[in-house]
């Protein structure tokens, strides 16, 4: 997967989150980003990786996204790895 295709997948994931308030709300709460600043934040380094981190952190959300995008769940992990350090869940 190229960096460009990984970024494209992350943008698709962001659109998926933004399409439903029930999906977008938790993302905004977790990141502290206001809805009106999403576009500007998306240009910051690490933002798209953070979108994929959010998707990867919730299995139901991940499965809903990959179903909507018609991709394998592993593609999200590959895209995340391509954008930087691989996702590592918080383990208490």
C-alpha atoms as a PDB file:
ATOM      1  CA  UNK A   1       0.000   0.000   0.000  1.00  0.00           C
ATOM      2  CA  UNK A   2       1.357   3.404  -0.940  1.00  0.00           C
ATOM      3  CA  UNK A   3       1.249   6.369   1.407  1.00  0.00           C
ATOM      4  CA  UNK A   4      -1.190   8.030  -0.992  1.00  0.00           C
ATOM      5  CA  UNK A   5      -3.585   5.069  -0.872  1.00  0.00           C
ATOM      6  CA  UNK A   6      -3.258   4.934   2.938  1.00  0.00           C
ATOM      7  CA  UNK A   7      -4.137   8.626   3.155  1.00  0.00           C
ATOM      8  CA  UNK A   8      -7.059   8.074   0.798  1.00  0.00           C
ATOM      9  CA  UNK A   9      -8.376   5.259   2.990  1.00  0.00           C
ATOM     10  CA  UNK A  10      -8.035   7.469   6.079  1.00  0.00           C
ATOM     11  CA  UNK A  11      -9.964  10.271   4.364  1.00  0.00           C
ATOM     12  CA  UNK A  12     -12.654   7.719   3.493  1.00  0.00           C
ATOM     13  CA  UNK A  13     -12.712   6.659   7.160  1.00  0.00           C
ATOM     14  CA  UNK A  14     -13.101  10.293   8.228  1.00  0.00           C
ATOM     15  CA  UNK A  15     -16.030  10.708   5.829  1.00  0.00           C
ATOM     16  CA  UNK A  16     -17.536   7.524   7.277  1.00  0.00           C
ATOM     17  CA  UNK A  17     -17.268   8.971  10.793  1.00  0.00           C
ATOM     18  CA  UNK A  18     -18.636  12.355   9.721  1.00  0.00           C
ATOM     19  CA  UNK A  19     -21.675  10.804   8.014  1.00  0.00           C
ATOM     20  CA  UNK A  20     -23.297   9.888  11.341  1.00  0.00           C
ATOM     21  CA  UNK A  21     -23.394  12.054  14.484  1.00  0.00           C
ATOM     22  CA  UNK A  22     -23.280   8.881  16.619  1.00  0.00           C
ATOM     23  CA  UNK A  23     -19.931   8.018  15.023  1.00  0.00           C
ATOM     24  CA  UNK A  24     -18.512  11.527  14.810  1.00  0.00           C
ATOM     25  CA  UNK A  25     -19.303  12.540  18.393  1.00  0.00           C
ATOM     26  CA  UNK A  26     -17.029   9.984  20.077  1.00  0.00           C
ATOM     27  CA  UNK A  27     -14.218  10.821  17.636  1.00  0.00           C
ATOM     28  CA  UNK A  28     -14.489  14.530  18.403  1.00  0.00           C
ATOM     29  CA  UNK A  29     -14.642  13.819  22.137  1.00  0.00           C
ATOM     30  CA  UNK A  30     -11.581  11.567  21.990  1.00  0.00           C
ATOM     31  CA  UNK A  31      -9.527  14.035  19.968  1.00  0.00           C
ATOM     32  CA  UNK A  32     -10.780  17.306  21.428  1.00  0.00           C
ATOM     33  CA  UNK A  33     -11.322  18.650  17.923  1.00  0.00           C
ATOM     34  CA  UNK A  34     -14.312  20.905  17.278  1.00  0.00           C
ATOM     35  CA  UNK A  35     -16.483  20.097  14.246  1.00  0.00           C
ATOM     36  CA  UNK A  36     -15.617  23.405  12.599  1.00  0.00           C
ATOM     37  CA  UNK A  37     -11.874  22.680  12.797  1.00  0.00           C
ATOM     38  CA  UNK A  38     -11.862  19.187  11.274  1.00  0.00           C
ATOM     39  CA  UNK A  39     -10.851  20.433   7.844  1.00  0.00           C
ATOM     40  CA  UNK A  40      -7.895  22.414   9.212  1.00  0.00           C
ATOM     41  CA  UNK A  41      -6.910  19.589  11.558  1.00  0.00           C
ATOM     42  CA  UNK A  42      -6.878  17.105   8.685  1.00  0.00           C
ATOM     43  CA  UNK A  43      -3.852  18.907   7.257  1.00  0.00           C
ATOM     44  CA  UNK A  44      -1.827  18.366  10.438  1.00  0.00           C
ATOM     45  CA  UNK A  45       0.704  15.531  10.587  1.00  0.00           C
ATOM     46  CA  UNK A  46      -0.683  12.517  12.362  1.00  0.00           C
ATOM     47  CA  UNK A  47      -4.343  13.465  12.043  1.00  0.00           C
ATOM     48  CA  UNK A  48      -5.185  10.815   9.448  1.00  0.00           C
ATOM     49  CA  UNK A  49      -3.311   8.201  11.466  1.00  0.00           C
ATOM     50  CA  UNK A  50      -5.427   9.266  14.440  1.00  0.00           C
ATOM     51  CA  UNK A  51      -8.591   8.709  12.414  1.00  0.00           C
ATOM     52  CA  UNK A  52      -7.481   5.152  11.703  1.00  0.00           C
ATOM     53  CA  UNK A  53      -6.460   4.663  15.353  1.00  0.00           C
ATOM     54  CA  UNK A  54      -9.999   5.607  16.342  1.00  0.00           C
ATOM     55  CA  UNK A  55     -11.503   3.148  13.862  1.00  0.00           C
ATOM     56  CA  UNK A  56      -9.135   0.378  14.967  1.00  0.00           C
ATOM     57  CA  UNK A  57      -9.894   0.925  18.656  1.00  0.00           C
ATOM     58  CA  UNK A  58     -13.536  -0.139  18.296  1.00  0.00           C
ATOM     59  CA  UNK A  59     -14.202  -3.494  16.658  1.00  0.00           C
ATOM     60  CA  UNK A  60     -17.841  -2.704  15.858  1.00  0.00           C
ATOM     61  CA  UNK A  61     -16.827   0.584  14.269  1.00  0.00           C
ATOM     62  CA  UNK A  62     -14.037  -1.133  12.336  1.00  0.00           C
ATOM     63  CA  UNK A  63     -16.388  -3.801  11.016  1.00  0.00           C
ATOM     64  CA  UNK A  64     -19.007  -1.220  10.048  1.00  0.00           C
ATOM     65  CA  UNK A  65     -16.388   0.820   8.201  1.00  0.00           C
ATOM     66  CA  UNK A  66     -14.864  -2.090   6.293  1.00  0.00           C
ATOM     67  CA  UNK A  67     -18.348  -3.269   5.354  1.00  0.00           C
ATOM     68  CA  UNK A  68     -19.254   0.188   4.035  1.00  0.00           C
ATOM     69  CA  UNK A  69     -15.915   0.528   2.230  1.00  0.00           C
ATOM     70  CA  UNK A  70     -15.991  -3.061   0.920  1.00  0.00           C
ATOM     71  CA  UNK A  71     -12.453  -3.755   2.131  1.00  0.00           C
ATOM     72  CA  UNK A  72     -10.830  -6.308   4.419  1.00  0.00           C
ATOM     73  CA  UNK A  73     -10.229  -5.241   8.042  1.00  0.00           C
ATOM     74  CA  UNK A  74      -6.520  -5.844   7.540  1.00  0.00           C
ATOM     75  CA  UNK A  75      -6.443  -3.006   4.993  1.00  0.00           C
ATOM     76  CA  UNK A  76      -7.109  -0.506   7.775  1.00  0.00           C
ATOM     77  CA  UNK A  77      -4.186  -1.859   9.784  1.00  0.00           C
ATOM     78  CA  UNK A  78      -1.921  -1.751   6.734  1.00  0.00           C
ATOM     79  CA  UNK A  79      -2.950   1.837   6.021  1.00  0.00           C
ATOM     80  CA  UNK A  80      -2.302   2.798   9.635  1.00  0.00           C
ATOM     81  CA  UNK A  81       1.136   1.184   9.534  1.00  0.00           C
ATOM     82  CA  UNK A  82       1.943   3.036   6.311  1.00  0.00           C
ATOM     83  CA  UNK A  83       1.048   6.363   7.918  1.00  0.00           C
ATOM     84  CA  UNK A  84       3.426   5.863  10.805  1.00  0.00           C
ATOM     85  CA  UNK A  85       3.912   3.749  13.873  1.00  0.00           C
ATOM     86  CA  UNK A  86       1.415   0.851  13.957  1.00  0.00           C
ATOM     87  CA  UNK A  87      -1.657   1.105  16.152  1.00  0.00           C
ATOM     88  CA  UNK A  88      -1.121  -0.246  19.662  1.00  0.00           C
ATOM     89  CA  UNK A  89      -4.205  -0.500  21.871  1.00  0.00           C
ATOM     90  CA  UNK A  90      -4.001   0.743  25.444  1.00  0.00           C
ATOM     91  CA  UNK A  91      -3.708  -2.283  27.678  1.00  0.00           C
ATOM     92  CA  UNK A  92      -4.307  -1.669  31.388  1.00  0.00           C
END
